[in-house]
Amino acid sequence: MLIVDAHLDLSMNALQWNRDLLASVYTIRTQENYTPGKGRGRGTVAYPEMRRGRVAVSFATLIGRSTGRPVPHIDYATPAQAHGAAQGQLAYYRALERQGHVRILSDTPALDAHVRDWEAWDGAHAAADWTDSPPLGFVISMESADPIVEPAELGAWYSAGLRLIGLTHYGPGRYAGGTGTETGLTDLGVALLGEMRRLGVIVDLTHSSDQAFWETLSRWDGPVMASHNNCRTLAPHQRQFSDDQIRAIVERGGVIGAALDCWMIVPGWRHGDPNDHITLRDVVRHIDHVCQVAGSCRHAAIGTDLDGGFGREGTPHDLDTIADLQRIADLLADRGYPPQDVAEILHGNWLRFLRAAWGTAPAR
């Protein structure tokens, strides 16, 4: 079955971590066997495994912060540096596209043609056969708007392929308060929302502080989503969304992607703790909770965040590579979800959301 994964930090892994994602996960692990650091030698994502797992579409990120709290390779001392890093990440995706490995999807006709190719190929090939699959499809997303030096430059980013923006990440972003803060939108954030609405760029509410979440909704009448967010009811933490926040996204027709970070799945888990008690079945609990709050399966999906600064040590222990996302289908069926609902959760909801959002984009 085809899968849409709404959050993969592919360029970060390729550039900041110097991983050749055209090689297999197992080759990359071997290359990093003596590399120190969280996630090194334990990665789960590379393009062969994405193809084997039928991850036909993913939301591929550009990521960089400039919060005033510099961190090497992710939080830069100035917005200009963050801008340069994100531009390099975008150039990496475009280079892959020129080489024929991926397709950058930026409108409904391109999305539909890409999905038709994958559906035709998938229907003619066994699950273990993946070597001649179509290119992977990437929707370009920005995690933290900090690399956008000024809102007025958003048009150039849009022309280059950017279609989704999460205003903030961790800390006090230039556009909005993120995870670990209690601040809302900044003046820059208000201005950027206006440009996003004018151009038809989608708002990703993931990582928004509670204050930024509600302020964004009060000022925004366009499409909203949460690319990689779990449920505060099941994993109490400010990073997750409350049932009221889930309902607010549902009321706007949005979709919420379940993330696979262990600390977002079960209460109290911290990096360095054992993960042998955490499984994909626990991820499905979050998917099911969104369905129960929403009253249907139409707003639940997947947004793994795999290899988002961690590896197997921080994911459910029964997941070896991203190809194992296929196991979620059986786990949903075990909870009583019929095949059509499983298909909606694995790919249909994100595809419908993108078609609706891009179909209603304002004229420019």
Protein backbone atom coordinates (compact mmCIF):
# COMPACT_ATOMS: atom_id res chain seq x y z
CA MET A 1 0.00 0.00 0.00
CA LEU A 2 1.25 3.50 -0.78
CA ILE A 3 2.30 5.72 2.11
CA VAL A 4 2.53 9.49 2.48
CA ASP A 5 4.92 10.58 5.23
CA ALA A 6 4.37 14.22 6.14
CA HIS A 7 7.71 14.90 7.82
CA LEU A 8 11.21 13.76 6.91
CA ASP A 9 14.34 15.82 7.53
CA LEU A 10 16.08 14.40 4.47
CA SER A 11 18.27 17.36 3.55
CA MET A 12 19.40 17.77 7.15
CA ASN A 13 20.61 14.17 7.16
CA ALA A 14 22.23 14.52 3.75
CA LEU A 15 24.05 17.81 4.43
CA GLN A 16 24.46 18.38 8.17
CA TRP A 17 25.07 14.68 8.88
CA ASN A 18 26.77 13.99 5.53
CA ARG A 19 24.70 10.90 4.70
CA ASP A 20 24.45 9.64 1.13
CA LEU A 21 20.76 8.77 1.20
CA LEU A 22 21.02 7.03 -2.17
CA ALA A 23 22.83 4.26 -0.28
CA SER A 24 20.87 1.85 1.89
CA VAL A 25 20.20 2.38 5.58
CA TYR A 26 22.49 -0.56 6.33
CA THR A 27 25.40 0.90 4.38
CA ILE A 28 25.00 4.23 6.15
CA ARG A 29 24.91 2.52 9.53
CA THR A 30 28.14 0.71 8.73
CA GLN A 31 29.81 3.94 7.60
CA GLU A 32 28.80 5.61 10.89
CA ASN A 33 29.73 2.68 13.12
CA TYR A 34 32.48 4.68 14.83
CA THR A 35 30.81 8.09 14.59
CA PRO A 36 29.83 9.36 18.06
CA GLY A 37 26.54 11.09 18.76
CA LYS A 38 22.85 10.45 19.15
CA GLY A 39 21.42 8.56 16.18
CA ARG A 40 24.76 7.85 14.54
CA GLY A 41 25.00 4.31 13.18
CA ARG A 42 21.30 3.82 13.95
CA GLY A 43 19.52 5.61 11.12
CA THR A 44 16.25 4.34 9.69
CA VAL A 45 15.74 6.38 6.50
CA ALA A 46 17.36 6.22 3.06
CA TYR A 47 15.89 6.34 -0.41
CA PRO A 48 16.09 2.57 -1.14
CA GLU A 49 14.13 1.82 2.04
CA MET A 50 11.59 4.54 1.23
CA ARG A 51 11.03 2.94 -2.16
CA ARG A 52 10.82 -0.54 -0.67
CA GLY A 53 8.29 0.75 1.86
CA ARG A 54 6.19 2.43 -0.86
CA VAL A 55 6.69 5.88 0.71
CA ALA A 56 5.63 7.41 -2.59
CA VAL A 57 5.21 10.98 -1.26
CA SER A 58 6.91 12.70 1.63
CA PHE A 59 7.00 16.24 2.93
CA ALA A 60 10.73 16.93 2.71
CA THR A 61 11.93 19.66 5.02
CA LEU A 62 14.15 22.69 4.92
CA ILE A 63 15.24 23.31 8.49
CA GLY A 64 17.17 26.07 10.16
CA ARG A 65 16.59 28.30 13.18
CA SER A 66 17.92 31.65 14.32
CA THR A 67 16.50 32.01 17.81
CA GLY A 68 19.43 33.73 19.51
CA ARG A 69 20.44 30.39 21.04
CA PRO A 70 22.97 29.06 18.49
CA VAL A 71 23.35 25.30 18.08
CA PRO A 72 25.78 23.92 15.48
CA HIS A 73 24.22 23.04 12.13
CA ILE A 74 20.62 23.89 13.08
CA ASP A 75 20.32 27.16 15.06
CA TYR A 76 22.36 29.88 13.39
CA ALA A 77 23.76 33.10 14.77
CA THR A 78 22.00 35.22 12.13
CA PRO A 79 18.96 34.88 9.87
CA ALA A 80 21.27 35.23 6.86
CA GLN A 81 23.11 32.07 7.89
CA ALA A 82 19.84 30.19 8.39
CA HIS A 83 18.74 31.44 4.98
CA GLY A 84 21.92 30.13 3.37
CA ALA A 85 21.58 26.73 5.02
CA ALA A 86 17.96 26.32 3.90
CA GLN A 87 18.79 27.45 0.37
CA GLY A 88 21.48 24.77 0.26
CA GLN A 89 18.97 22.16 1.40
CA LEU A 90 16.57 23.20 -1.34
CA ALA A 91 19.39 23.01 -3.88
CA TYR A 92 20.09 19.45 -2.73
CA TYR A 93 16.51 18.39 -3.48
CA ARG A 94 16.64 20.05 -6.89
CA ALA A 95 19.91 18.27 -7.67
CA LEU A 96 18.25 14.93 -6.87
CA GLU A 97 15.38 15.90 -9.15
CA ARG A 98 17.74 16.67 -12.02
CA GLN A 99 19.36 13.28 -11.51
CA GLY A 100 15.96 11.57 -11.77
CA HIS A 101 15.79 10.27 -8.21
CA VAL A 102 12.89 12.44 -7.04
CA ARG A 103 10.07 14.64 -8.26
CA ILE A 104 9.30 17.96 -6.60
CA LEU A 105 5.49 18.14 -6.35
CA SER A 106 4.07 21.65 -6.21
CA ASP A 107 0.57 21.46 -7.71
CA THR A 108 -2.35 19.07 -8.06
CA PRO A 109 -1.66 17.90 -11.64
CA ALA A 110 1.91 16.93 -10.71
CA LEU A 111 0.70 15.20 -7.55
CA ASP A 112 -2.01 13.25 -9.37
CA ALA A 113 0.32 12.15 -12.17
CA HIS A 114 2.91 11.02 -9.63
CA VAL A 115 0.39 9.02 -7.60
CA ARG A 116 -0.97 7.37 -10.76
CA ASP A 117 2.56 6.24 -11.65
CA TRP A 118 3.09 4.75 -8.22
CA GLU A 119 -0.33 3.07 -8.12
CA ALA A 120 0.27 1.45 -11.50
CA TRP A 121 3.74 0.32 -10.50
CA ASP A 122 2.63 -0.95 -7.08
CA GLY A 123 -0.22 -2.95 -8.62
CA ALA A 124 2.22 -4.75 -10.90
CA HIS A 125 4.97 -5.53 -8.37
CA ALA A 126 5.27 -7.76 -5.33
CA ALA A 127 5.94 -6.18 -1.95
CA ALA A 128 9.59 -7.28 -1.98
CA ASP A 129 10.21 -5.77 -5.44
CA TRP A 130 11.23 -2.12 -5.46
CA THR A 131 14.32 -1.62 -7.56
CA ASP A 132 12.58 -0.08 -10.60
CA SER A 133 10.01 2.03 -8.76
CA PRO A 134 9.09 5.53 -9.95
CA PRO A 135 11.01 8.46 -8.43
CA LEU A 136 10.13 9.49 -4.90
CA GLY A 137 7.77 12.46 -4.61
CA PHE A 138 8.77 15.40 -2.39
CA VAL A 139 6.53 18.25 -1.22
CA ILE A 140 8.89 20.95 0.06
CA SER A 141 8.19 22.07 3.61
CA MET A 142 9.98 24.50 5.91
CA GLU A 143 10.30 23.66 9.60
CA SER A 144 10.75 27.07 11.26
CA ALA A 145 10.32 30.09 9.06
CA ASP A 146 13.50 31.69 10.45
CA PRO A 147 15.41 31.20 7.14
CA ILE A 148 12.96 33.62 5.48
CA VAL A 149 14.84 36.83 6.22
CA GLU A 150 11.81 39.06 5.57
CA PRO A 151 8.19 38.12 4.75
CA ALA A 152 8.43 39.99 1.43
CA GLU A 153 10.87 37.38 0.10
CA LEU A 154 8.36 34.53 0.45
CA GLY A 155 7.40 34.84 -3.22
CA ALA A 156 10.91 33.78 -4.23
CA TRP A 157 10.72 30.74 -1.96
CA TYR A 158 7.33 29.86 -3.40
CA SER A 159 8.64 30.10 -6.95
CA ALA A 160 11.46 27.76 -5.93
CA GLY A 161 8.94 25.14 -4.75
CA LEU A 162 8.15 25.81 -1.08
CA ARG A 163 4.54 24.86 -0.30
CA LEU A 164 4.29 24.32 3.48
CA ILE A 165 5.63 26.34 6.41
CA GLY A 166 5.75 25.64 10.12
CA LEU A 167 6.30 29.09 11.60
CA THR A 168 8.51 27.85 14.41
CA HIS A 169 10.49 24.93 15.83
CA TYR A 170 12.12 24.78 19.28
CA GLY A 171 12.51 27.98 21.26
CA PRO A 172 11.68 31.63 20.53
CA GLY A 173 11.45 31.70 16.76
CA ARG A 174 11.60 34.92 14.78
CA TYR A 175 8.01 34.43 13.60
CA ALA A 176 6.35 32.63 16.54
CA GLY A 177 7.01 30.96 19.85
CA GLY A 178 7.88 27.30 19.48
CA THR A 179 8.18 24.21 21.65
CA GLY A 180 9.32 25.15 25.13
CA THR A 181 7.99 28.72 25.06
CA GLU A 182 4.84 30.56 26.07
CA THR A 183 5.00 33.28 23.44
CA GLY A 184 2.70 33.81 20.49
CA LEU A 185 3.12 35.35 17.06
CA THR A 186 5.64 38.11 16.50
CA ASP A 187 4.98 41.08 14.23
CA LEU A 188 7.02 39.27 11.57
CA GLY A 189 4.79 36.24 12.03
CA VAL A 190 1.64 38.26 11.44
CA ALA A 191 3.13 39.73 8.27
CA LEU A 192 4.30 36.32 7.04
CA LEU A 193 0.83 34.85 7.48
CA GLY A 194 -0.49 37.56 5.17
CA GLU A 195 2.06 36.65 2.50
CA MET A 196 1.37 32.95 2.93
CA ARG A 197 -2.33 33.48 2.40
CA ARG A 198 -1.70 35.63 -0.65
CA LEU A 199 0.52 33.00 -2.25
CA GLY A 200 -1.35 29.90 -1.11
CA VAL A 201 1.30 28.46 1.22
CA ILE A 202 -0.09 26.04 3.83
CA VAL A 203 0.37 26.58 7.58
CA ASP A 204 1.83 23.67 9.55
CA LEU A 205 0.94 24.20 13.21
CA THR A 206 3.46 21.63 14.49
CA HIS A 207 5.84 22.96 17.16
CA SER A 208 3.66 26.00 17.84
CA SER A 209 3.40 27.03 21.46
CA ASP A 210 -0.15 26.98 22.74
CA GLN A 211 -0.25 30.76 22.44
CA ALA A 212 1.08 30.73 18.87
CA PHE A 213 -1.33 27.93 17.92
CA TRP A 214 -4.45 29.84 18.92
CA GLU A 215 -3.19 33.21 17.67
CA THR A 216 -2.42 31.67 14.28
CA LEU A 217 -5.92 30.23 14.00
CA SER A 218 -7.44 33.57 14.99
CA ARG A 219 -5.62 35.32 12.13
CA TRP A 220 -5.65 32.59 9.46
CA ASP A 221 -8.55 31.41 7.32
CA GLY A 222 -6.56 29.12 5.02
CA PRO A 223 -5.64 25.41 5.20
CA VAL A 224 -4.02 24.17 8.41
CA MET A 225 -2.34 20.90 9.28
CA ALA A 226 0.03 19.31 11.78
CA SER A 227 2.70 17.36 9.95
CA HIS A 228 4.13 15.46 12.94
CA ASN A 229 2.19 15.82 16.16
CA ASN A 230 0.90 13.35 18.74
CA CYS A 231 -1.80 13.58 21.39
CA ARG A 232 -1.33 15.33 24.72
CA THR A 233 -3.97 13.08 26.27
CA LEU A 234 -1.73 10.05 25.72
CA ALA A 235 1.69 11.71 26.14
CA PRO A 236 1.23 14.79 28.34
CA HIS A 237 3.68 17.41 27.15
CA GLN A 238 3.47 20.87 25.62
CA ARG A 239 4.93 19.50 22.37
CA GLN A 240 1.75 17.45 21.79
CA PHE A 241 -1.70 18.82 20.99
CA SER A 242 -4.64 18.79 23.36
CA ASP A 243 -8.00 17.42 22.32
CA ASP A 244 -9.25 21.01 21.90
CA GLN A 245 -6.39 21.72 19.52
CA ILE A 246 -7.08 18.53 17.59
CA ARG A 247 -10.74 19.54 17.28
CA ALA A 248 -9.73 22.98 16.03
CA ILE A 249 -7.62 21.44 13.26
CA VAL A 250 -10.42 19.01 12.38
CA GLU A 251 -12.94 21.86 12.17
CA ARG A 252 -10.68 23.51 9.57
CA GLY A 253 -10.48 20.29 7.55
CA GLY A 254 -6.89 19.67 8.58
CA VAL A 255 -4.91 16.46 8.98
CA ILE A 256 -2.57 15.40 11.80
CA GLY A 257 0.41 13.13 11.16
CA ALA A 258 1.47 10.73 13.92
CA ALA A 259 5.17 11.04 14.84
CA LEU A 260 7.48 8.19 15.80
CA ASP A 261 9.70 9.90 18.40
CA CYS A 262 9.47 7.73 21.53
CA TRP A 263 9.22 10.72 23.86
CA MET A 264 6.14 11.80 21.91
CA ILE A 265 4.53 8.36 22.11
CA VAL A 266 4.54 7.33 25.78
CA PRO A 267 4.58 9.46 28.95
CA GLY A 268 7.88 10.13 30.64
CA TRP A 269 10.27 8.58 28.13
CA ARG A 270 13.54 10.49 27.69
CA HIS A 271 16.40 10.03 25.25
CA GLY A 272 18.77 7.46 26.72
CA ASP A 273 15.95 5.42 28.27
CA PRO A 274 15.31 1.85 27.01
CA ASN A 275 12.76 1.68 24.20
CA ASP A 276 12.11 -2.07 24.20
CA HIS A 277 8.62 -1.53 25.62
CA ILE A 278 7.55 0.94 22.92
CA THR A 279 6.11 -0.42 19.67
CA LEU A 280 4.29 0.70 16.55
CA ARG A 281 1.12 -0.41 18.30
CA ASP A 282 1.63 2.55 20.65
CA VAL A 283 1.84 4.88 17.63
CA VAL A 284 -1.45 3.46 16.39
CA ARG A 285 -3.02 4.45 19.73
CA HIS A 286 -2.32 8.09 18.84
CA ILE A 287 -3.75 7.63 15.35
CA ASP A 288 -6.85 6.04 16.86
CA HIS A 289 -7.19 8.86 19.41
CA VAL A 290 -7.24 11.46 16.65
CA CYS A 291 -9.93 9.41 14.88
CA GLN A 292 -12.01 9.19 18.06
CA VAL A 293 -11.74 12.94 18.75
CA ALA A 294 -12.52 13.75 15.10
CA GLY A 295 -15.36 11.24 14.84
CA SER A 296 -13.90 9.72 11.67
CA CYS A 297 -10.62 8.56 10.15
CA ARG A 298 -10.42 11.51 7.73
CA HIS A 299 -8.04 13.62 9.79
CA ALA A 300 -5.45 11.08 10.96
CA ALA A 301 -2.30 10.24 9.04
CA ILE A 302 1.44 9.68 9.34
CA GLY A 303 4.27 12.19 9.79
CA THR A 304 7.08 10.11 11.20
CA ASP A 305 9.97 12.55 11.86
CA LEU A 306 12.23 9.50 11.50
CA ASP A 307 15.92 10.38 11.74
CA GLY A 308 15.01 13.86 12.91
CA GLY A 309 18.16 14.06 15.02
CA PHE A 310 17.83 10.54 16.42
CA GLY A 311 17.79 6.94 15.21
CA ARG A 312 16.55 3.51 16.24
CA GLU A 313 17.33 4.27 19.87
CA GLY A 314 14.53 6.87 19.83
CA THR A 315 11.86 5.04 17.81
CA PRO A 316 9.57 2.09 18.49
CA HIS A 317 11.82 -0.93 18.88
CA ASP A 318 9.93 -3.02 16.30
CA LEU A 319 10.80 -0.55 13.53
CA ASP A 320 14.11 -1.25 11.80
CA THR A 321 13.77 1.05 8.79
CA ILE A 322 11.14 3.32 7.29
CA ALA A 323 9.99 0.37 5.15
CA ASP A 324 8.43 -1.07 8.31
CA LEU A 325 5.73 1.61 8.20
CA GLN A 326 3.84 -0.96 6.13
CA ARG A 327 3.20 -2.81 9.41
CA ILE A 328 0.88 -0.01 10.52
CA ALA A 329 -1.74 -1.28 8.05
CA ASP A 330 -2.08 -4.59 9.91
CA LEU A 331 -2.05 -2.88 13.30
CA LEU A 332 -4.92 -0.62 12.24
CA ALA A 333 -6.80 -3.64 10.90
CA ASP A 334 -6.28 -5.35 14.27
CA ARG A 335 -8.08 -2.40 15.90
CA GLY A 336 -11.03 -2.91 13.58
CA TYR A 337 -10.27 -0.35 10.85
CA PRO A 338 -11.61 -1.51 7.46
CA PRO A 339 -9.28 -1.49 4.41
CA GLN A 340 -10.64 1.81 3.05
CA ASP A 341 -10.01 3.59 6.34
CA VAL A 342 -6.50 2.12 6.52
CA ALA A 343 -5.78 3.45 3.03
CA GLU A 344 -7.08 6.89 4.01
CA ILE A 345 -4.78 7.02 7.03
CA LEU A 346 -1.70 5.74 5.21
CA HIS A 347 -2.01 8.04 2.21
CA GLY A 348 -5.52 9.16 1.24
CA ASN A 349 -6.02 11.86 3.84
CA TRP A 350 -2.82 13.72 2.99
CA LEU A 351 -3.51 13.47 -0.74
CA ARG A 352 -7.05 14.80 -0.30
CA PHE A 353 -5.76 17.61 1.93
CA LEU A 354 -3.14 18.71 -0.60
CA ARG A 355 -5.61 18.60 -3.49
CA ALA A 356 -8.09 20.73 -1.57
CA ALA A 357 -5.46 23.21 -0.39
CA TRP A 358 -3.83 23.60 -3.79
CA GLY A 359 -7.17 23.69 -5.54
CA THR A 360 -8.24 26.68 -3.44
CA ALA A 361 -4.95 28.57 -3.60
CA PRO A 362 -5.64 32.21 -4.46
CA ALA A 363 -4.74 33.62 -7.85
CA ARG A 364 -1.36 35.37 -7.87
